[in-house]
């Protein structure tokens, strides 16, 4: 049920089996919102935007705060 424009990369489950962390990629946040809407009646989601280390360090430090 991954919509067009969203790429699944990997999943990790905590040792208790109570949380799953998924690495998803999308050019537009709306694409992730569509994906979440397929599952939000079953699980709670927290979407955390991330950057690669190279992307992070290439930005001026004033933008990091």
PDB file of N, CA and C in Angstrom:
ATOM      1  N   UNK A   1       0.818  -1.198   0.000  1.00  0.00           N
ATOM      2  CA  UNK A   1       0.000   0.000   0.000  1.00  0.00           C
ATOM      3  C   UNK A   1       0.861   1.261   0.000  1.00  0.00           C
ATOM      4  N   UNK A   2       2.055   1.179  -0.499  1.00  0.00           N
ATOM      5  CA  UNK A   2       2.912   2.358  -0.585  1.00  0.00           C
ATOM      6  C   UNK A   2       2.515   3.125  -1.842  1.00  0.00           C
ATOM      7  N   UNK A   3       2.102   4.392  -1.682  1.00  0.00           N
ATOM      8  CA  UNK A   3       1.662   5.153  -2.840  1.00  0.00           C
ATOM      9  C   UNK A   3       2.822   5.539  -3.759  1.00  0.00           C
ATOM     10  N   UNK A   4       2.480   5.890  -4.970  1.00  0.00           N
ATOM     11  CA  UNK A   4       3.478   6.363  -5.920  1.00  0.00           C
ATOM     12  C   UNK A   4       4.185   7.574  -5.332  1.00  0.00           C
ATOM     13  N   UNK A   5       5.487   7.622  -5.493  1.00  0.00           N
ATOM     14  CA  UNK A   5       6.262   8.744  -4.966  1.00  0.00           C
ATOM     15  C   UNK A   5       6.828   8.489  -3.582  1.00  0.00           C
ATOM     16  N   UNK A   6       6.495   7.341  -2.986  1.00  0.00           N
ATOM     17  CA  UNK A   6       7.029   6.976  -1.677  1.00  0.00           C
ATOM     18  C   UNK A   6       7.846   5.699  -1.842  1.00  0.00           C
ATOM     19  N   UNK A   7       9.050   5.701  -1.270  1.00  0.00           N
ATOM     20  CA  UNK A   7       9.927   4.541  -1.353  1.00  0.00           C
ATOM     21  C   UNK A   7      10.192   4.008   0.044  1.00  0.00           C
ATOM     22  N   UNK A   8       9.972   2.713   0.219  1.00  0.00           N
ATOM     23  CA  UNK A   8      10.292   2.026   1.474  1.00  0.00           C
ATOM     24  C   UNK A   8      11.749   1.570   1.395  1.00  0.00           C
ATOM     25  N   UNK A   9      12.533   1.870   2.454  1.00  0.00           N
ATOM     26  CA  UNK A   9      13.940   1.471   2.465  1.00  0.00           C
ATOM     27  C   UNK A   9      14.233   0.352   3.464  1.00  0.00           C
ATOM     28  N   UNK A  10      13.723   0.478   4.697  1.00  0.00           N
ATOM     29  CA  UNK A  10      14.049  -0.522   5.716  1.00  0.00           C
ATOM     30  C   UNK A  10      13.151  -0.348   6.930  1.00  0.00           C
ATOM     31  N   UNK A  11      13.112  -1.397   7.769  1.00  0.00           N
ATOM     32  CA  UNK A  11      12.376  -1.348   9.035  1.00  0.00           C
ATOM     33  C   UNK A  11      13.235  -1.916  10.150  1.00  0.00           C
ATOM     34  N   UNK A  12      13.018  -1.414  11.355  1.00  0.00           N
ATOM     35  CA  UNK A  12      13.638  -1.946  12.559  1.00  0.00           C
ATOM     36  C   UNK A  12      12.542  -2.068  13.599  1.00  0.00           C
ATOM     37  N   UNK A  13      12.553  -3.141  14.369  1.00  0.00           N
ATOM     38  CA  UNK A  13      11.580  -3.352  15.440  1.00  0.00           C
ATOM     39  C   UNK A  13      12.350  -3.399  16.755  1.00  0.00           C
ATOM     40  N   UNK A  14      11.820  -2.706  17.784  1.00  0.00           N
ATOM     41  CA  UNK A  14      12.513  -2.740  19.068  1.00  0.00           C
ATOM     42  C   UNK A  14      12.453  -4.145  19.661  1.00  0.00           C
ATOM     43  N   UNK A  15      13.316  -4.419  20.634  1.00  0.00           N
ATOM     44  CA  UNK A  15      13.445  -5.777  21.167  1.00  0.00           C
ATOM     45  C   UNK A  15      12.180  -6.267  21.866  1.00  0.00           C
ATOM     46  N   UNK A  16      11.321  -5.358  22.312  1.00  0.00           N
ATOM     47  CA  UNK A  16      10.061  -5.755  22.940  1.00  0.00           C
ATOM     48  C   UNK A  16       8.965  -6.034  21.906  1.00  0.00           C
ATOM     49  N   UNK A  17       9.211  -5.641  20.671  1.00  0.00           N
ATOM     50  CA  UNK A  17       8.219  -5.836  19.623  1.00  0.00           C
ATOM     51  C   UNK A  17       7.062  -4.858  19.696  1.00  0.00           C
ATOM     52  N   UNK A  18       7.284  -3.736  20.373  1.00  0.00           N
ATOM     53  CA  UNK A  18       6.195  -2.768  20.552  1.00  0.00           C
ATOM     54  C   UNK A  18       6.279  -1.568  19.615  1.00  0.00           C
ATOM     55  N   UNK A  19       7.444  -1.339  19.027  1.00  0.00           N
ATOM     56  CA  UNK A  19       7.605  -0.207  18.115  1.00  0.00           C
ATOM     57  C   UNK A  19       8.340  -0.644  16.867  1.00  0.00           C
ATOM     58  N   UNK A  20       7.948  -0.055  15.766  1.00  0.00           N
ATOM     59  CA  UNK A  20       8.608  -0.313  14.484  1.00  0.00           C
ATOM     60  C   UNK A  20       9.043   1.030  13.908  1.00  0.00           C
ATOM     61  N   UNK A  21      10.262   1.078  13.472  1.00  0.00           N
ATOM     62  CA  UNK A  21      10.805   2.277  12.844  1.00  0.00           C
ATOM     63  C   UNK A  21      10.997   1.959  11.366  1.00  0.00           C
ATOM     64  N   UNK A  22      10.415   2.786  10.507  1.00  0.00           N
ATOM     65  CA  UNK A  22      10.543   2.553   9.073  1.00  0.00           C
ATOM     66  C   UNK A  22      11.211   3.752   8.424  1.00  0.00           C
ATOM     67  N   UNK A  23      12.119   3.460   7.534  1.00  0.00           N
ATOM     68  CA  UNK A  23      12.778   4.498   6.758  1.00  0.00           C
ATOM     69  C   UNK A  23      12.077   4.572   5.405  1.00  0.00           C
ATOM     70  N   UNK A  24      11.381   5.677   5.207  1.00  0.00           N
ATOM     71  CA  UNK A  24      10.630   5.912   3.981  1.00  0.00           C
ATOM     72  C   UNK A  24      11.208   7.167   3.325  1.00  0.00           C
ATOM     73  N   UNK A  25      11.079   7.254   2.023  1.00  0.00           N
ATOM     74  CA  UNK A  25      11.572   8.419   1.291  1.00  0.00           C
ATOM     75  C   UNK A  25      10.457   8.947   0.397  1.00  0.00           C
ATOM     76  N   UNK A  26      10.291  10.277   0.422  1.00  0.00           N
ATOM     77  CA  UNK A  26       9.301  10.921  -0.447  1.00  0.00           C
ATOM     78  C   UNK A  26       9.767  12.340  -0.745  1.00  0.00           C
ATOM     79  N   UNK A  27       9.555  12.761  -1.966  1.00  0.00           N
ATOM     80  CA  UNK A  27       9.914  14.125  -2.353  1.00  0.00           C
ATOM     81  C   UNK A  27       8.958  15.146  -1.743  1.00  0.00           C
ATOM     82  N   UNK A  28       7.715  14.723  -1.522  1.00  0.00           N
ATOM     83  CA  UNK A  28       6.685  15.641  -1.030  1.00  0.00           C
ATOM     84  C   UNK A  28       6.032  15.071   0.224  1.00  0.00           C
ATOM     85  N   UNK A  29       5.939  15.853   1.296  1.00  0.00           N
ATOM     86  CA  UNK A  29       5.316  15.373   2.536  1.00  0.00           C
ATOM     87  C   UNK A  29       3.893  14.839   2.329  1.00  0.00           C
ATOM     88  N   UNK A  30       3.158  15.390   1.393  1.00  0.00           N
ATOM     89  CA  UNK A  30       1.794  14.937   1.138  1.00  0.00           C
ATOM     90  C   UNK A  30       1.764  13.452   0.748  1.00  0.00           C
ATOM     91  N   UNK A  31       2.788  12.989   0.074  1.00  0.00           N
ATOM     92  CA  UNK A  31       2.851  11.571  -0.296  1.00  0.00           C
ATOM     93  C   UNK A  31       2.896  10.686   0.945  1.00  0.00           C
ATOM     94  N   UNK A  32       3.634  11.105   1.964  1.00  0.00           N
ATOM     95  CA  UNK A  32       3.681  10.339   3.211  1.00  0.00           C
ATOM     96  C   UNK A  32       2.352  10.407   3.948  1.00  0.00           C
ATOM     97  N   UNK A  33       1.701  11.550   3.895  1.00  0.00           N
ATOM     98  CA  UNK A  33       0.394  11.701   4.527  1.00  0.00           C
ATOM     99  C   UNK A  33      -0.598  10.712   3.928  1.00  0.00           C
ATOM    100  N   UNK A  34      -0.540  10.535   2.619  1.00  0.00           N
ATOM    101  CA  UNK A  34      -1.406   9.559   1.953  1.00  0.00           C
ATOM    102  C   UNK A  34      -1.115   8.159   2.463  1.00  0.00           C
ATOM    103  N   UNK A  35       0.154   7.796   2.584  1.00  0.00           N
ATOM    104  CA  UNK A  35       0.545   6.471   3.073  1.00  0.00           C
ATOM    105  C   UNK A  35       0.056   6.261   4.509  1.00  0.00           C
ATOM    106  N   UNK A  36       0.270   7.266   5.376  1.00  0.00           N
ATOM    107  CA  UNK A  36      -0.158   7.179   6.774  1.00  0.00           C
ATOM    108  C   UNK A  36      -1.672   6.987   6.865  1.00  0.00           C
ATOM    109  N   UNK A  37      -2.409   7.644   6.001  1.00  0.00           N
ATOM    110  CA  UNK A  37      -3.872   7.562   6.074  1.00  0.00           C
ATOM    111  C   UNK A  37      -4.393   6.146   5.842  1.00  0.00           C
ATOM    112  N   UNK A  38      -3.606   5.294   5.190  1.00  0.00           N
ATOM    113  CA  UNK A  38      -4.007   3.900   4.977  1.00  0.00           C
ATOM    114  C   UNK A  38      -3.894   3.075   6.261  1.00  0.00           C
ATOM    115  N   UNK A  39      -3.115   3.545   7.216  1.00  0.00           N
ATOM    116  CA  UNK A  39      -2.808   2.757   8.413  1.00  0.00           C
ATOM    117  C   UNK A  39      -3.170   3.439   9.730  1.00  0.00           C
ATOM    118  N   UNK A  40      -3.553   4.718   9.703  1.00  0.00           N
ATOM    119  CA  UNK A  40      -3.706   5.457  10.964  1.00  0.00           C
ATOM    120  C   UNK A  40      -4.841   4.972  11.855  1.00  0.00           C
ATOM    121  N   UNK A  41      -5.702   4.091  11.347  1.00  0.00           N
ATOM    122  CA  UNK A  41      -6.726   3.504  12.207  1.00  0.00           C
ATOM    123  C   UNK A  41      -6.180   2.324  13.010  1.00  0.00           C
ATOM    124  N   UNK A  42      -4.983   1.855  12.660  1.00  0.00           N
ATOM    125  CA  UNK A  42      -4.386   0.700  13.330  1.00  0.00           C
ATOM    126  C   UNK A  42      -3.175   1.045  14.194  1.00  0.00           C
ATOM    127  N   UNK A  43      -2.424   2.070  13.793  1.00  0.00           N
ATOM    128  CA  UNK A  43      -1.194   2.431  14.509  1.00  0.00           C
ATOM    129  C   UNK A  43      -1.055   3.946  14.579  1.00  0.00           C
ATOM    130  N   UNK A  44      -0.234   4.384  15.522  1.00  0.00           N
ATOM    131  CA  UNK A  44       0.095   5.805  15.639  1.00  0.00           C
ATOM    132  C   UNK A  44       1.400   6.057  14.905  1.00  0.00           C
ATOM    133  N   UNK A  45       1.486   7.177  14.247  1.00  0.00           N
ATOM    134  CA  UNK A  45       2.677   7.534  13.480  1.00  0.00           C
ATOM    135  C   UNK A  45       3.309   8.805  14.017  1.00  0.00           C
ATOM    136  N   UNK A  46       4.611   8.853  13.912  1.00  0.00           N
ATOM    137  CA  UNK A  46       5.365  10.085  14.110  1.00  0.00           C
ATOM    138  C   UNK A  46       6.310  10.178  12.918  1.00  0.00           C
ATOM    139  N   UNK A  47       6.165  11.223  12.138  1.00  0.00           N
ATOM    140  CA  UNK A  47       7.028  11.414  10.971  1.00  0.00           C
ATOM    141  C   UNK A  47       8.109  12.412  11.347  1.00  0.00           C
ATOM    142  N   UNK A  48       9.345  11.991  11.172  1.00  0.00           N
ATOM    143  CA  UNK A  48      10.494  12.818  11.517  1.00  0.00           C
ATOM    144  C   UNK A  48      11.329  13.022  10.258  1.00  0.00           C
ATOM    145  N   UNK A  49      11.321  14.232   9.707  1.00  0.00           N
ATOM    146  CA  UNK A  49      12.164  14.490   8.534  1.00  0.00           C
ATOM    147  C   UNK A  49      13.640  14.398   8.924  1.00  0.00           C
ATOM    148  N   UNK A  50      14.437  13.790   8.079  1.00  0.00           N
ATOM    149  CA  UNK A  50      15.870  13.649   8.343  1.00  0.00           C
ATOM    150  C   UNK A  50      16.678  14.037   7.110  1.00  0.00           C
ATOM    151  N   UNK A  51      17.940  14.276   7.335  1.00  0.00           N
ATOM    152  CA  UNK A  51      18.896  14.586   6.272  1.00  0.00           C
ATOM    153  C   UNK A  51      20.059  13.611   6.377  1.00  0.00           C
ATOM    154  N   UNK A  52      20.752  13.394   5.289  1.00  0.00           N
ATOM    155  CA  UNK A  52      22.009  12.660   5.388  1.00  0.00           C
ATOM    156  C   UNK A  52      23.005  13.546   6.133  1.00  0.00           C
ATOM    157  N   UNK A  53      24.066  12.964   6.629  1.00  0.00           N
ATOM    158  CA  UNK A  53      25.099  13.762   7.308  1.00  0.00           C
ATOM    159  C   UNK A  53      25.657  14.826   6.372  1.00  0.00           C
ATOM    160  N   UNK A  54      25.900  14.452   5.121  1.00  0.00           N
ATOM    161  CA  UNK A  54      26.444  15.405   4.149  1.00  0.00           C
ATOM    162  C   UNK A  54      25.485  16.576   3.931  1.00  0.00           C
ATOM    163  N   UNK A  55      24.196  16.285   3.809  1.00  0.00           N
ATOM    164  CA  UNK A  55      23.215  17.367   3.629  1.00  0.00           C
ATOM    165  C   UNK A  55      23.183  18.281   4.850  1.00  0.00           C
ATOM    166  N   UNK A  56      23.206  17.666   6.037  1.00  0.00           N
ATOM    167  CA  UNK A  56      23.174  18.446   7.271  1.00  0.00           C
ATOM    168  C   UNK A  56      24.366  19.384   7.372  1.00  0.00           C
ATOM    169  N   UNK A  57      25.565  18.851   7.141  1.00  0.00           N
ATOM    170  CA  UNK A  57      26.764  19.642   7.342  1.00  0.00           C
ATOM    171  C   UNK A  57      27.029  20.627   6.205  1.00  0.00           C
ATOM    172  N   UNK A  58      26.344  20.480   5.099  1.00  0.00           N
ATOM    173  CA  UNK A  58      26.524  21.431   4.003  1.00  0.00           C
ATOM    174  C   UNK A  58      25.708  22.707   4.216  1.00  0.00           C
ATOM    175  N   UNK A  59      24.774  22.675   5.149  1.00  0.00           N
ATOM    176  CA  UNK A  59      23.964  23.862   5.443  1.00  0.00           C
ATOM    177  C   UNK A  59      24.719  24.786   6.392  1.00  0.00           C
ATOM    178  N   UNK A  60      24.480  26.073   6.280  1.00  0.00           N
ATOM    179  CA  UNK A  60      25.091  27.007   7.249  1.00  0.00           C
ATOM    180  C   UNK A  60      24.637  26.641   8.667  1.00  0.00           C
ATOM    181  N   UNK A  61      25.545  26.723   9.605  1.00  0.00           N
ATOM    182  CA  UNK A  61      25.226  26.339  10.985  1.00  0.00           C
ATOM    183  C   UNK A  61      24.076  27.145  11.571  1.00  0.00           C
ATOM    184  N   UNK A  62      23.810  28.351  11.100  1.00  0.00           N
ATOM    185  CA  UNK A  62      22.694  29.153  11.607  1.00  0.00           C
ATOM    186  C   UNK A  62      21.352  28.498  11.292  1.00  0.00           C
ATOM    187  N   UNK A  63      21.298  27.648  10.253  1.00  0.00           N
ATOM    188  CA  UNK A  63      20.054  26.945   9.889  1.00  0.00           C
ATOM    189  C   UNK A  63      19.857  25.688  10.726  1.00  0.00           C
ATOM    190  N   UNK A  64      20.852  25.242  11.491  1.00  0.00           N
ATOM    191  CA  UNK A  64      20.776  23.997  12.225  1.00  0.00           C
ATOM    192  C   UNK A  64      20.000  24.124  13.524  1.00  0.00           C
ATOM    193  N   UNK A  65      19.719  25.315  13.956  1.00  0.00           N
ATOM    194  CA  UNK A  65      19.057  25.532  15.260  1.00  0.00           C
ATOM    195  C   UNK A  65      17.567  25.390  15.149  1.00  0.00           C
TER     196      UNK A  65
END
